[in-house]
Amino acid sequence: MTQLRNVSLIGAPTDIGAGARGASMGPEAMRVAGLAEALRARGVDVLDRGNLAGP
């Protein structure tokens, strides 16, 4: 089985369809929590492409 070595992170901040306000902060919360750093520590090349623009 081939292991994943390259990952692009793309945030999609939106509250549309969410049951609670604040869902749009999810992508930033994952950044603050260190998602990219945790993946890098496991040998994954990570490119954070920022957030998509949307409603």
PDB file of N, CA and C in Angstrom:
ATOM      1  N   MET A   1       0.834  -1.174   0.000  1.00  0.00           N
ATOM      2  CA  MET A   1       0.000   0.000   0.000  1.00  0.00           C
ATOM      3  C   MET A   1       0.886   1.248   0.000  1.00  0.00           C
ATOM      4  N   THR A   2       0.551   2.213  -0.847  1.00  0.00           N
ATOM      5  CA  THR A   2       1.313   3.455  -0.947  1.00  0.00           C
ATOM      6  C   THR A   2       0.884   4.411   0.151  1.00  0.00           C
ATOM      7  N   GLN A   3       1.876   5.004   0.812  1.00  0.00           N
ATOM      8  CA  GLN A   3       1.573   5.959   1.864  1.00  0.00           C
ATOM      9  C   GLN A   3       1.510   7.368   1.291  1.00  0.00           C
ATOM     10  N   LEU A   4       0.603   8.163   1.810  1.00  0.00           N
ATOM     11  CA  LEU A   4       0.438   9.546   1.402  1.00  0.00           C
ATOM     12  C   LEU A   4       1.607  10.368   1.935  1.00  0.00           C
ATOM     13  N   ARG A   5       2.251  11.142   1.069  1.00  0.00           N
ATOM     14  CA  ARG A   5       3.392  11.959   1.480  1.00  0.00           C
ATOM     15  C   ARG A   5       3.192  13.441   1.235  1.00  0.00           C
ATOM     16  N   ASN A   6       2.234  13.817   0.382  1.00  0.00           N
ATOM     17  CA  ASN A   6       1.986  15.218   0.066  1.00  0.00           C
ATOM     18  C   ASN A   6       0.524  15.547   0.319  1.00  0.00           C
ATOM     19  N   VAL A   7       0.298  16.635   1.051  1.00  0.00           N
ATOM     20  CA  VAL A   7      -1.062  17.045   1.378  1.00  0.00           C
ATOM     21  C   VAL A   7      -1.176  18.553   1.196  1.00  0.00           C
ATOM     22  N   SER A   8      -2.279  18.984   0.593  1.00  0.00           N
ATOM     23  CA  SER A   8      -2.625  20.404   0.537  1.00  0.00           C
ATOM     24  C   SER A   8      -3.811  20.627   1.456  1.00  0.00           C
ATOM     25  N   LEU A   9      -3.691  21.604   2.346  1.00  0.00           N
ATOM     26  CA  LEU A   9      -4.798  21.973   3.211  1.00  0.00           C
ATOM     27  C   LEU A   9      -5.520  23.153   2.567  1.00  0.00           C
ATOM     28  N   ILE A  10      -6.838  23.038   2.449  1.00  0.00           N
ATOM     29  CA  ILE A  10      -7.657  24.097   1.863  1.00  0.00           C
ATOM     30  C   ILE A  10      -8.822  24.341   2.807  1.00  0.00           C
ATOM     31  N   GLY A  11      -8.893  25.549   3.366  1.00  0.00           N
ATOM     32  CA  GLY A  11      -9.980  25.880   4.281  1.00  0.00           C
ATOM     33  C   GLY A  11     -11.225  26.315   3.518  1.00  0.00           C
ATOM     34  N   ALA A  12     -12.372  25.922   4.045  1.00  0.00           N
ATOM     35  CA  ALA A  12     -13.660  26.324   3.468  1.00  0.00           C
ATOM     36  C   ALA A  12     -14.513  26.916   4.594  1.00  0.00           C
ATOM     37  N   PRO A  13     -14.226  28.162   4.986  1.00  0.00           N
ATOM     38  CA  PRO A  13     -14.939  28.768   6.108  1.00  0.00           C
ATOM     39  C   PRO A  13     -16.336  29.226   5.720  1.00  0.00           C
ATOM     40  N   THR A  14     -17.357  28.556   6.226  1.00  0.00           N
ATOM     41  CA  THR A  14     -18.741  28.936   5.953  1.00  0.00           C
ATOM     42  C   THR A  14     -19.640  28.439   7.072  1.00  0.00           C
ATOM     43  N   ASP A  15     -20.703  29.176   7.303  1.00  0.00           N
ATOM     44  CA  ASP A  15     -21.720  28.754   8.265  1.00  0.00           C
ATOM     45  C   ASP A  15     -22.949  28.203   7.549  1.00  0.00           C
ATOM     46  N   ILE A  16     -22.950  28.220   6.228  1.00  0.00           N
ATOM     47  CA  ILE A  16     -24.112  27.774   5.466  1.00  0.00           C
ATOM     48  C   ILE A  16     -24.354  26.288   5.729  1.00  0.00           C
ATOM     49  N   GLY A  17     -25.548  25.953   6.131  1.00  0.00           N
ATOM     50  CA  GLY A  17     -25.919  24.571   6.402  1.00  0.00           C
ATOM     51  C   GLY A  17     -25.531  24.079   7.782  1.00  0.00           C
ATOM     52  N   ALA A  18     -24.818  24.907   8.551  1.00  0.00           N
ATOM     53  CA  ALA A  18     -24.397  24.491   9.884  1.00  0.00           C
ATOM     54  C   ALA A  18     -25.516  24.725  10.885  1.00  0.00           C
ATOM     55  N   GLY A  19     -25.610  23.868  11.849  1.00  0.00           N
ATOM     56  CA  GLY A  19     -26.617  24.010  12.885  1.00  0.00           C
ATOM     57  C   GLY A  19     -26.246  25.014  13.952  1.00  0.00           C
ATOM     58  N   ALA A  20     -24.989  25.410  13.999  1.00  0.00           N
ATOM     59  CA  ALA A  20     -24.536  26.346  15.018  1.00  0.00           C
ATOM     60  C   ALA A  20     -23.639  27.397  14.380  1.00  0.00           C
ATOM     61  N   ARG A  21     -23.762  28.613  14.888  1.00  0.00           N
ATOM     62  CA  ARG A  21     -22.888  29.670  14.401  1.00  0.00           C
ATOM     63  C   ARG A  21     -21.454  29.391  14.840  1.00  0.00           C
ATOM     64  N   GLY A  22     -20.521  29.855  14.058  1.00  0.00           N
ATOM     65  CA  GLY A  22     -19.115  29.665  14.398  1.00  0.00           C
ATOM     66  C   GLY A  22     -18.434  28.583  13.597  1.00  0.00           C
ATOM     67  N   ALA A  23     -19.198  27.841  12.809  1.00  0.00           N
ATOM     68  CA  ALA A  23     -18.599  26.782  12.001  1.00  0.00           C
ATOM     69  C   ALA A  23     -17.566  27.336  11.033  1.00  0.00           C
ATOM     70  N   SER A  24     -17.729  28.588  10.653  1.00  0.00           N
ATOM     71  CA  SER A  24     -16.788  29.196   9.705  1.00  0.00           C
ATOM     72  C   SER A  24     -15.390  29.357  10.300  1.00  0.00           C
ATOM     73  N   MET A  25     -15.258  29.218  11.603  1.00  0.00           N
ATOM     74  CA  MET A  25     -13.946  29.339  12.247  1.00  0.00           C
ATOM     75  C   MET A  25     -13.183  28.016  12.253  1.00  0.00           C
ATOM     76  N   GLY A  26     -13.801  26.958  11.736  1.00  0.00           N
ATOM     77  CA  GLY A  26     -13.182  25.636  11.750  1.00  0.00           C
ATOM     78  C   GLY A  26     -11.808  25.561  11.114  1.00  0.00           C
ATOM     79  N   PRO A  27     -11.642  26.079   9.883  1.00  0.00           N
ATOM     80  CA  PRO A  27     -10.315  25.989   9.262  1.00  0.00           C
ATOM     81  C   PRO A  27      -9.220  26.680  10.078  1.00  0.00           C
ATOM     82  N   GLU A  28      -9.535  27.845  10.633  1.00  0.00           N
ATOM     83  CA  GLU A  28      -8.531  28.547  11.437  1.00  0.00           C
ATOM     84  C   GLU A  28      -8.255  27.805  12.732  1.00  0.00           C
ATOM     85  N   ALA A  29      -9.276  27.194  13.311  1.00  0.00           N
ATOM     86  CA  ALA A  29      -9.092  26.424  14.542  1.00  0.00           C
ATOM     87  C   ALA A  29      -8.145  25.251  14.311  1.00  0.00           C
ATOM     88  N   MET A  30      -8.244  24.606  13.148  1.00  0.00           N
ATOM     89  CA  MET A  30      -7.335  23.494  12.845  1.00  0.00           C
ATOM     90  C   MET A  30      -5.905  23.990  12.671  1.00  0.00           C
ATOM     91  N   ARG A  31      -5.757  25.180  12.129  1.00  0.00           N
ATOM     92  CA  ARG A  31      -4.410  25.751  12.004  1.00  0.00           C
ATOM     93  C   ARG A  31      -3.824  26.055  13.373  1.00  0.00           C
ATOM     94  N   VAL A  32      -4.619  26.703  14.222  1.00  0.00           N
ATOM     95  CA  VAL A  32      -4.161  27.041  15.568  1.00  0.00           C
ATOM     96  C   VAL A  32      -3.829  25.776  16.361  1.00  0.00           C
ATOM     97  N   ALA A  33      -4.596  24.719  16.151  1.00  0.00           N
ATOM     98  CA  ALA A  33      -4.370  23.455  16.862  1.00  0.00           C
ATOM     99  C   ALA A  33      -3.120  22.730  16.388  1.00  0.00           C
ATOM    100  N   GLY A  34      -2.542  23.167  15.254  1.00  0.00           N
ATOM    101  CA  GLY A  34      -1.289  22.573  14.795  1.00  0.00           C
ATOM    102  C   GLY A  34      -1.434  21.390  13.857  1.00  0.00           C
ATOM    103  N   LEU A  35      -2.505  21.354  13.081  1.00  0.00           N
ATOM    104  CA  LEU A  35      -2.707  20.233  12.157  1.00  0.00           C
ATOM    105  C   LEU A  35      -1.530  20.056  11.206  1.00  0.00           C
ATOM    106  N   ALA A  36      -1.091  21.139  10.577  1.00  0.00           N
ATOM    107  CA  ALA A  36       0.007  21.034   9.612  1.00  0.00           C
ATOM    108  C   ALA A  36       1.288  20.536  10.282  1.00  0.00           C
ATOM    109  N   GLU A  37       1.578  21.053  11.445  1.00  0.00           N
ATOM    110  CA  GLU A  37       2.791  20.642  12.162  1.00  0.00           C
ATOM    111  C   GLU A  37       2.728  19.172  12.570  1.00  0.00           C
ATOM    112  N   ALA A  38       1.544  18.722  12.985  1.00  0.00           N
ATOM    113  CA  ALA A  38       1.384  17.316  13.366  1.00  0.00           C
ATOM    114  C   ALA A  38       1.602  16.401  12.169  1.00  0.00           C
ATOM    115  N   LEU A  39       1.098  16.794  11.013  1.00  0.00           N
ATOM    116  CA  LEU A  39       1.306  15.989   9.809  1.00  0.00           C
ATOM    117  C   LEU A  39       2.779  15.986   9.406  1.00  0.00           C
ATOM    118  N   ARG A  40       3.412  17.155   9.477  1.00  0.00           N
ATOM    119  CA  ARG A  40       4.850  17.232   9.137  1.00  0.00           C
ATOM    120  C   ARG A  40       5.685  16.349  10.053  1.00  0.00           C
ATOM    121  N   ALA A  41       5.311  16.296  11.324  1.00  0.00           N
ATOM    122  CA  ALA A  41       6.042  15.464  12.293  1.00  0.00           C
ATOM    123  C   ALA A  41       5.947  13.983  11.942  1.00  0.00           C
ATOM    124  N   ARG A  42       4.970  13.633  11.119  1.00  0.00           N
ATOM    125  CA  ARG A  42       4.792  12.245  10.682  1.00  0.00           C
ATOM    126  C   ARG A  42       5.319  12.012   9.275  1.00  0.00           C
ATOM    127  N   GLY A  43       6.117  12.970   8.783  1.00  0.00           N
ATOM    128  CA  GLY A  43       6.769  12.783   7.499  1.00  0.00           C
ATOM    129  C   GLY A  43       5.967  13.191   6.282  1.00  0.00           C
ATOM    130  N   VAL A  44       4.882  13.937   6.495  1.00  0.00           N
ATOM    131  CA  VAL A  44       4.037  14.365   5.374  1.00  0.00           C
ATOM    132  C   VAL A  44       4.449  15.778   4.955  1.00  0.00           C
ATOM    133  N   ASP A  45       4.593  15.996   3.657  1.00  0.00           N
ATOM    134  CA  ASP A  45       4.837  17.343   3.133  1.00  0.00           C
ATOM    135  C   ASP A  45       3.499  18.058   3.063  1.00  0.00           C
ATOM    136  N   VAL A  46       3.402  19.216   3.741  1.00  0.00           N
ATOM    137  CA  VAL A  46       2.131  19.931   3.849  1.00  0.00           C
ATOM    138  C   VAL A  46       2.250  21.311   3.228  1.00  0.00           C
ATOM    139  N   LEU A  47       1.275  21.658   2.405  1.00  0.00           N
ATOM    140  CA  LEU A  47       1.170  22.996   1.838  1.00  0.00           C
ATOM    141  C   LEU A  47      -0.192  23.550   2.223  1.00  0.00           C
ATOM    142  N   ASP A  48      -0.193  24.617   3.013  1.00  0.00           N
ATOM    143  CA  ASP A  48      -1.448  25.265   3.419  1.00  0.00           C
ATOM    144  C   ASP A  48      -1.783  26.297   2.348  1.00  0.00           C
ATOM    145  N   ARG A  49      -2.842  26.040   1.603  1.00  0.00           N
ATOM    146  CA  ARG A  49      -3.235  26.913   0.503  1.00  0.00           C
ATOM    147  C   ARG A  49      -4.206  27.998   0.911  1.00  0.00           C
ATOM    148  N   GLY A  50      -4.425  28.149   2.221  1.00  0.00           N
ATOM    149  CA  GLY A  50      -5.305  29.206   2.707  1.00  0.00           C
ATOM    150  C   GLY A  50      -6.767  28.808   2.605  1.00  0.00           C
ATOM    151  N   ASN A  51      -7.615  29.815   2.641  1.00  0.00           N
ATOM    152  CA  ASN A  51      -9.050  29.588   2.629  1.00  0.00           C
ATOM    153  C   ASN A  51      -9.673  29.961   1.286  1.00  0.00           C
ATOM    154  N   LEU A  52     -10.726  29.266   0.949  1.00  0.00           N
ATOM    155  CA  LEU A  52     -11.533  29.620  -0.207  1.00  0.00           C
ATOM    156  C   LEU A  52     -12.390  30.825   0.146  1.00  0.00           C
ATOM    157  N   ALA A  53     -12.694  31.650  -0.827  1.00  0.00           N
ATOM    158  CA  ALA A  53     -13.614  32.764  -0.623  1.00  0.00           C
ATOM    159  C   ALA A  53     -15.018  32.252  -0.894  1.00  0.00           C
ATOM    160  N   GLY A  54     -15.951  32.670  -0.095  1.00  0.00           N
ATOM    161  CA  GLY A  54     -17.313  32.203  -0.308  1.00  0.00           C
ATOM    162  C   GLY A  54     -18.299  33.031   0.473  1.00  0.00           C
ATOM    163  N   PRO A  55     -19.546  32.608   0.472  1.00  0.00           N
ATOM    164  CA  PRO A  55     -20.588  33.369   1.185  1.00  0.00           C
ATOM    165  C   PRO A  55     -20.418  33.304   2.691  1.00  0.00           C
TER     166      PRO A  55
END
